[in-house]
Amino acid sequence: MKNIAIFASGGGSNAESIIHYMKGIDDINISLIISNKSKAGVLKRAYNHGIDAHLISRSSFYESKEILETLKEYNIDWIILAGFLWLVPAYLIDAYPERILNIHPALLPKYGGKGMYGMNVHKAVKENNEIVSGMTIHFVNQKYDEGKHVFQATTEINPEDSPEDIAAKVLKLEHKYYPQVIHHLVQSS
């Protein structure tokens, strides 16, 4: 059995799609959800699915290694970022080499880096009159959105699409492919 921890800062729609997908997989368990925001919707999703959830503070995440103890308690094999907005510290990357996965709502290397998340990305895509957007799944390293790419999927952008339309198209790709890619990587590790 491989145990996964999902780290999320927001509503948790990607976490929800991962949880639903993994319910049909016998050898992968979503054991823990970690959030850095006490009002994050992902915490309610964890509760609704009977998954343990932990709240972390900025100081504990960056100034101590207590999160490692929590992950060890749950025998976590993989960390999946699903809208987690903090830069992952080196000690955590070292403890989980090529076992921390992130999803980004653009075709990296375009529209990545600090501050490029959520609607910021989709507004930039629209402002630059892109005709294609998509999402990138990548391993996490010590810089925002610069880890090795694992998978990308694209969607066409129409001239009349608003940033919200682009966001909806990209989110559809995320919900479809992120759970599948996680499944493949975790099972083959």
C-alpha atoms as a PDB file:
ATOM      1  CA  MET A   1       0.000   0.000   0.000  1.00  0.00           C
ATOM      2  CA  LYS A   2       1.328   3.431  -0.996  1.00  0.00           C
ATOM      3  CA  ASN A   3       0.204   6.364   1.141  1.00  0.00           C
ATOM      4  CA  ILE A   4      -0.331   9.830  -0.266  1.00  0.00           C
ATOM      5  CA  ALA A   5      -0.547  13.207   1.453  1.00  0.00           C
ATOM      6  CA  ILE A   6      -2.269  15.995  -0.453  1.00  0.00           C
ATOM      7  CA  PHE A   7      -1.135  19.560   0.286  1.00  0.00           C
ATOM      8  CA  ALA A   8      -3.669  22.249  -0.657  1.00  0.00           C
ATOM      9  CA  SER A   9      -4.343  25.900   0.162  1.00  0.00           C
ATOM     10  CA  GLY A  10      -7.778  26.417  -1.361  1.00  0.00           C
ATOM     11  CA  GLY A  11     -11.109  24.871  -2.185  1.00  0.00           C
ATOM     12  CA  GLY A  12      -9.723  21.483  -3.050  1.00  0.00           C
ATOM     13  CA  SER A  13     -11.419  20.591  -6.334  1.00  0.00           C
ATOM     14  CA  ASN A  14      -8.264  18.829  -7.546  1.00  0.00           C
ATOM     15  CA  ALA A  15      -7.971  17.048  -4.198  1.00  0.00           C
ATOM     16  CA  GLU A  16     -11.592  15.940  -4.604  1.00  0.00           C
ATOM     17  CA  SER A  17     -10.959  14.526  -8.086  1.00  0.00           C
ATOM     18  CA  ILE A  18      -7.875  12.674  -6.803  1.00  0.00           C
ATOM     19  CA  ILE A  19      -9.794  11.251  -3.823  1.00  0.00           C
ATOM     20  CA  HIS A  20     -12.646  10.012  -6.044  1.00  0.00           C
ATOM     21  CA  TYR A  21     -10.267   8.453  -8.551  1.00  0.00           C
ATOM     22  CA  MET A  22      -8.169   6.693  -5.888  1.00  0.00           C
ATOM     23  CA  LYS A  23     -11.226   5.137  -4.223  1.00  0.00           C
ATOM     24  CA  GLY A  24     -11.143   2.570  -7.001  1.00  0.00           C
ATOM     25  CA  ILE A  25      -7.430   1.784  -6.529  1.00  0.00           C
ATOM     26  CA  ASP A  26      -6.661  -0.903  -3.937  1.00  0.00           C
ATOM     27  CA  ASP A  27      -2.964  -0.223  -3.397  1.00  0.00           C
ATOM     28  CA  ILE A  28      -3.029   3.590  -3.059  1.00  0.00           C
ATOM     29  CA  ASN A  29      -4.460   5.394  -0.044  1.00  0.00           C
ATOM     30  CA  ILE A  30      -5.059   9.114   0.471  1.00  0.00           C
ATOM     31  CA  SER A  31      -3.953   9.125   4.102  1.00  0.00           C
ATOM     32  CA  LEU A  32      -3.638  12.791   4.929  1.00  0.00           C
ATOM     33  CA  ILE A  33      -4.537  16.274   3.768  1.00  0.00           C
ATOM     34  CA  ILE A  34      -2.329  19.194   4.817  1.00  0.00           C
ATOM     35  CA  SER A  35      -3.354  22.819   4.484  1.00  0.00           C
ATOM     36  CA  ASN A  36      -1.815  26.146   5.390  1.00  0.00           C
ATOM     37  CA  LYS A  37      -5.181  27.929   5.616  1.00  0.00           C
ATOM     38  CA  SER A  38      -7.659  27.279   8.397  1.00  0.00           C
ATOM     39  CA  LYS A  39     -10.638  28.194   6.190  1.00  0.00           C
ATOM     40  CA  ALA A  40      -9.522  26.234   3.118  1.00  0.00           C
ATOM     41  CA  GLY A  41     -12.376  24.289   1.554  1.00  0.00           C
ATOM     42  CA  VAL A  42     -10.087  21.281   1.182  1.00  0.00           C
ATOM     43  CA  LEU A  43     -10.327  20.721   4.960  1.00  0.00           C
ATOM     44  CA  LYS A  44     -14.088  20.208   4.678  1.00  0.00           C
ATOM     45  CA  ARG A  45     -13.517  17.820   1.787  1.00  0.00           C
ATOM     46  CA  ALA A  46     -11.084  15.839   3.957  1.00  0.00           C
ATOM     47  CA  TYR A  47     -13.675  15.662   6.725  1.00  0.00           C
ATOM     48  CA  ASN A  48     -16.409  14.584   4.284  1.00  0.00           C
ATOM     49  CA  HIS A  49     -14.231  11.693   3.083  1.00  0.00           C
ATOM     50  CA  GLY A  50     -13.001  10.658   6.529  1.00  0.00           C
ATOM     51  CA  ILE A  51      -9.417  11.648   5.728  1.00  0.00           C
ATOM     52  CA  ASP A  52      -7.245  13.066   8.499  1.00  0.00           C
ATOM     53  CA  ALA A  53      -6.316  16.704   7.984  1.00  0.00           C
ATOM     54  CA  HIS A  54      -3.596  18.848   9.520  1.00  0.00           C
ATOM     55  CA  LEU A  55      -3.126  22.576   9.523  1.00  0.00           C
ATOM     56  CA  ILE A  56       0.419  23.914   9.294  1.00  0.00           C
ATOM     57  CA  SER A  57       1.812  27.331  10.109  1.00  0.00           C
ATOM     58  CA  ARG A  58       4.412  29.172   8.083  1.00  0.00           C
ATOM     59  CA  SER A  59       6.883  29.083  10.976  1.00  0.00           C
ATOM     60  CA  SER A  60       6.510  25.333  11.558  1.00  0.00           C
ATOM     61  CA  PHE A  61       6.855  24.637   7.837  1.00  0.00           C
ATOM     62  CA  TYR A  62       9.969  26.737   7.276  1.00  0.00           C
ATOM     63  CA  GLU A  63      11.644  26.935  10.682  1.00  0.00           C
ATOM     64  CA  SER A  64      11.258  23.357  11.890  1.00  0.00           C
ATOM     65  CA  LYS A  65      10.919  19.926  10.380  1.00  0.00           C
ATOM     66  CA  GLU A  66       7.843  18.875  12.350  1.00  0.00           C
ATOM     67  CA  ILE A  67       5.920  18.197   9.136  1.00  0.00           C
ATOM     68  CA  LEU A  68       8.364  15.346   8.472  1.00  0.00           C
ATOM     69  CA  GLU A  69       7.323  13.727  11.747  1.00  0.00           C
ATOM     70  CA  THR A  70       3.672  13.978  10.757  1.00  0.00           C
ATOM     71  CA  LEU A  71       4.399  12.470   7.348  1.00  0.00           C
ATOM     72  CA  LYS A  72       6.353   9.626   8.996  1.00  0.00           C
ATOM     73  CA  GLU A  73       3.439   8.946  11.379  1.00  0.00           C
ATOM     74  CA  TYR A  74       1.231   8.355   8.355  1.00  0.00           C
ATOM     75  CA  ASN A  75       3.888   6.414   6.419  1.00  0.00           C
ATOM     76  CA  ILE A  76       3.583   8.865   3.534  1.00  0.00           C
ATOM     77  CA  ASP A  77       5.255   7.709   0.321  1.00  0.00           C
ATOM     78  CA  TRP A  78       4.227  10.585  -1.962  1.00  0.00           C
ATOM     79  CA  ILE A  79       3.270  14.236  -1.535  1.00  0.00           C
ATOM     80  CA  ILE A  80       0.801  15.653  -4.030  1.00  0.00           C
ATOM     81  CA  LEU A  81       0.425  19.417  -4.278  1.00  0.00           C
ATOM     82  CA  ALA A  82      -3.055  20.459  -5.360  1.00  0.00           C
ATOM     83  CA  GLY A  83      -3.167  24.226  -5.244  1.00  0.00           C
ATOM     84  CA  PHE A  84      -0.615  24.551  -2.444  1.00  0.00           C
ATOM     85  CA  LEU A  85       0.832  28.045  -2.714  1.00  0.00           C
ATOM     86  CA  TRP A  86       3.948  27.911  -0.522  1.00  0.00           C
ATOM     87  CA  LEU A  87       7.387  27.103  -1.864  1.00  0.00           C
ATOM     88  CA  VAL A  88       8.375  23.651  -0.623  1.00  0.00           C
ATOM     89  CA  PRO A  89      11.499  23.822   1.589  1.00  0.00           C
ATOM     90  CA  ALA A  90      14.685  21.950   0.700  1.00  0.00           C
ATOM     91  CA  TYR A  91      14.490  19.556   3.673  1.00  0.00           C
ATOM     92  CA  LEU A  92      11.130  18.244   2.417  1.00  0.00           C
ATOM     93  CA  ILE A  93      12.353  17.899  -1.173  1.00  0.00           C
ATOM     94  CA  ASP A  94      15.421  16.009   0.110  1.00  0.00           C
ATOM     95  CA  ALA A  95      13.203  13.666   2.148  1.00  0.00           C
ATOM     96  CA  TYR A  96      10.951  12.951  -0.874  1.00  0.00           C
ATOM     97  CA  PRO A  97      13.180  13.095  -3.968  1.00  0.00           C
ATOM     98  CA  GLU A  98      11.034  12.935  -7.111  1.00  0.00           C
ATOM     99  CA  ARG A  99       8.080  12.003  -4.919  1.00  0.00           C
ATOM    100  CA  ILE A 100       6.548  15.475  -4.626  1.00  0.00           C
ATOM    101  CA  LEU A 101       4.280  16.275  -7.542  1.00  0.00           C
ATOM    102  CA  ASN A 102       2.661  19.576  -8.478  1.00  0.00           C
ATOM    103  CA  ILE A 103       0.134  20.707 -11.033  1.00  0.00           C
ATOM    104  CA  HIS A 104       0.322  24.107 -12.697  1.00  0.00           C
ATOM    105  CA  PRO A 105      -2.514  25.706 -14.726  1.00  0.00           C
ATOM    106  CA  ALA A 106      -0.381  26.622 -17.746  1.00  0.00           C
ATOM    107  CA  LEU A 107       2.019  25.078 -20.218  1.00  0.00           C
ATOM    108  CA  LEU A 108       5.290  25.561 -18.386  1.00  0.00           C
ATOM    109  CA  PRO A 109       7.795  27.090 -18.774  1.00  0.00           C
ATOM    110  CA  LYS A 110       5.363  29.837 -19.833  1.00  0.00           C
ATOM    111  CA  TYR A 111       3.387  31.556 -17.080  1.00  0.00           C
ATOM    112  CA  GLY A 112       5.222  29.970 -14.168  1.00  0.00           C
ATOM    113  CA  GLY A 113       7.074  31.294 -11.152  1.00  0.00           C
ATOM    114  CA  LYS A 114       6.246  33.225  -8.012  1.00  0.00           C
ATOM    115  CA  GLY A 115       2.848  34.884  -8.168  1.00  0.00           C
ATOM    116  CA  MET A 116       1.726  32.870 -11.184  1.00  0.00           C
ATOM    117  CA  TYR A 117      -1.172  30.861  -9.830  1.00  0.00           C
ATOM    118  CA  GLY A 118      -4.925  30.697 -10.317  1.00  0.00           C
ATOM    119  CA  MET A 119      -6.518  33.567 -12.194  1.00  0.00           C
ATOM    120  CA  ASN A 120      -3.174  35.406 -12.437  1.00  0.00           C
ATOM    121  CA  VAL A 121      -2.110  32.736 -14.921  1.00  0.00           C
ATOM    122  CA  HIS A 122      -5.320  32.782 -16.947  1.00  0.00           C
ATOM    123  CA  LYS A 123      -5.386  36.593 -17.145  1.00  0.00           C
ATOM    124  CA  ALA A 124      -1.791  36.557 -18.449  1.00  0.00           C
ATOM    125  CA  VAL A 125      -2.670  33.899 -21.034  1.00  0.00           C
ATOM    126  CA  LYS A 126      -5.622  36.027 -22.200  1.00  0.00           C
ATOM    127  CA  GLU A 127      -3.604  39.275 -22.251  1.00  0.00           C
ATOM    128  CA  ASN A 128      -0.981  37.617 -24.448  1.00  0.00           C
ATOM    129  CA  ASN A 129      -3.626  36.379 -26.907  1.00  0.00           C
ATOM    130  CA  GLU A 130      -2.522  32.773 -26.609  1.00  0.00           C
ATOM    131  CA  ILE A 131      -4.412  30.336 -28.811  1.00  0.00           C
ATOM    132  CA  VAL A 132      -3.536  27.328 -26.639  1.00  0.00           C
ATOM    133  CA  SER A 133      -3.245  26.845 -22.906  1.00  0.00           C
ATOM    134  CA  GLY A 134      -3.250  23.819 -20.680  1.00  0.00           C
ATOM    135  CA  MET A 135      -1.711  22.336 -17.601  1.00  0.00           C
ATOM    136  CA  THR A 136       1.625  20.893 -16.562  1.00  0.00           C
ATOM    137  CA  ILE A 137       2.317  18.194 -14.000  1.00  0.00           C
ATOM    138  CA  HIS A 138       5.874  18.348 -12.698  1.00  0.00           C
ATOM    139  CA  PHE A 139       8.152  17.209  -9.918  1.00  0.00           C
ATOM    140  CA  VAL A 140       8.861  19.828  -7.284  1.00  0.00           C
ATOM    141  CA  ASN A 141      12.298  21.320  -6.830  1.00  0.00           C
ATOM    142  CA  GLN A 142      13.484  24.356  -4.865  1.00  0.00           C
ATOM    143  CA  LYS A 143      12.119  26.911  -7.350  1.00  0.00           C
ATOM    144  CA  TYR A 144       8.518  27.645  -8.230  1.00  0.00           C
ATOM    145  CA  ASP A 145       7.387  25.636 -11.275  1.00  0.00           C
ATOM    146  CA  GLU A 146      10.869  24.649 -12.464  1.00  0.00           C
ATOM    147  CA  GLY A 147      10.897  20.929 -11.650  1.00  0.00           C
ATOM    148  CA  LYS A 148      11.104  18.254 -14.329  1.00  0.00           C
ATOM    149  CA  HIS A 149       7.919  18.006 -16.381  1.00  0.00           C
ATOM    150  CA  VAL A 150       6.016  14.736 -16.192  1.00  0.00           C
ATOM    151  CA  PHE A 151       2.946  15.471 -18.324  1.00  0.00           C
ATOM    152  CA  GLN A 152       1.237  18.290 -20.201  1.00  0.00           C
ATOM    153  CA  ALA A 153      -2.226  18.552 -21.755  1.00  0.00           C
ATOM    154  CA  THR A 154      -3.543  21.362 -23.932  1.00  0.00           C
ATOM    155  CA  THR A 155      -6.811  23.072 -24.733  1.00  0.00           C
ATOM    156  CA  GLU A 156      -7.634  25.554 -27.476  1.00  0.00           C
ATOM    157  CA  ILE A 157      -8.354  29.143 -26.535  1.00  0.00           C
ATOM    158  CA  ASN A 158     -10.938  31.035 -28.559  1.00  0.00           C
ATOM    159  CA  PRO A 159     -10.575  34.815 -28.996  1.00  0.00           C
ATOM    160  CA  GLU A 160     -13.831  35.370 -27.129  1.00  0.00           C
ATOM    161  CA  ASP A 161     -12.771  33.245 -24.119  1.00  0.00           C
ATOM    162  CA  SER A 162     -12.512  35.198 -20.884  1.00  0.00           C
ATOM    163  CA  PRO A 163      -9.898  34.336 -18.233  1.00  0.00           C
ATOM    164  CA  GLU A 164     -12.712  32.515 -16.410  1.00  0.00           C
ATOM    165  CA  ASP A 165     -13.472  30.465 -19.545  1.00  0.00           C
ATOM    166  CA  ILE A 166      -9.793  29.581 -19.852  1.00  0.00           C
ATOM    167  CA  ALA A 167      -9.690  28.612 -16.177  1.00  0.00           C
ATOM    168  CA  ALA A 168     -12.678  26.288 -16.635  1.00  0.00           C
ATOM    169  CA  LYS A 169     -11.099  24.595 -19.664  1.00  0.00           C
ATOM    170  CA  VAL A 170      -7.776  24.082 -17.867  1.00  0.00           C
ATOM    171  CA  LEU A 171      -9.455  22.829 -14.680  1.00  0.00           C
ATOM    172  CA  LYS A 172     -11.297  20.209 -16.718  1.00  0.00           C
ATOM    173  CA  LEU A 173      -7.913  18.937 -17.972  1.00  0.00           C
ATOM    174  CA  GLU A 174      -6.503  18.960 -14.441  1.00  0.00           C
ATOM    175  CA  HIS A 175      -9.382  16.890 -13.066  1.00  0.00           C
ATOM    176  CA  LYS A 176      -9.098  14.408 -15.923  1.00  0.00           C
ATOM    177  CA  TYR A 177      -5.342  13.869 -16.034  1.00  0.00           C
ATOM    178  CA  TYR A 178      -3.846  14.627 -12.602  1.00  0.00           C
ATOM    179  CA  PRO A 179      -5.340  11.563 -10.865  1.00  0.00           C
ATOM    180  CA  GLN A 180      -4.283   9.307 -13.760  1.00  0.00           C
ATOM    181  CA  VAL A 181      -0.694  10.576 -13.747  1.00  0.00           C
ATOM    182  CA  ILE A 182      -0.491  10.255  -9.950  1.00  0.00           C
ATOM    183  CA  HIS A 183      -1.807   6.695 -10.186  1.00  0.00           C
ATOM    184  CA  HIS A 184       0.775   5.740 -12.795  1.00  0.00           C
ATOM    185  CA  LEU A 185       3.727   7.322 -10.969  1.00  0.00           C
ATOM    186  CA  VAL A 186       2.821   6.015  -7.522  1.00  0.00           C
ATOM    187  CA  GLN A 187       2.175   2.473  -8.747  1.00  0.00           C
ATOM    188  CA  SER A 188       5.419   2.356 -10.691  1.00  0.00           C
ATOM    189  CA  SER A 189       7.529   3.640  -7.775  1.00  0.00           C
END
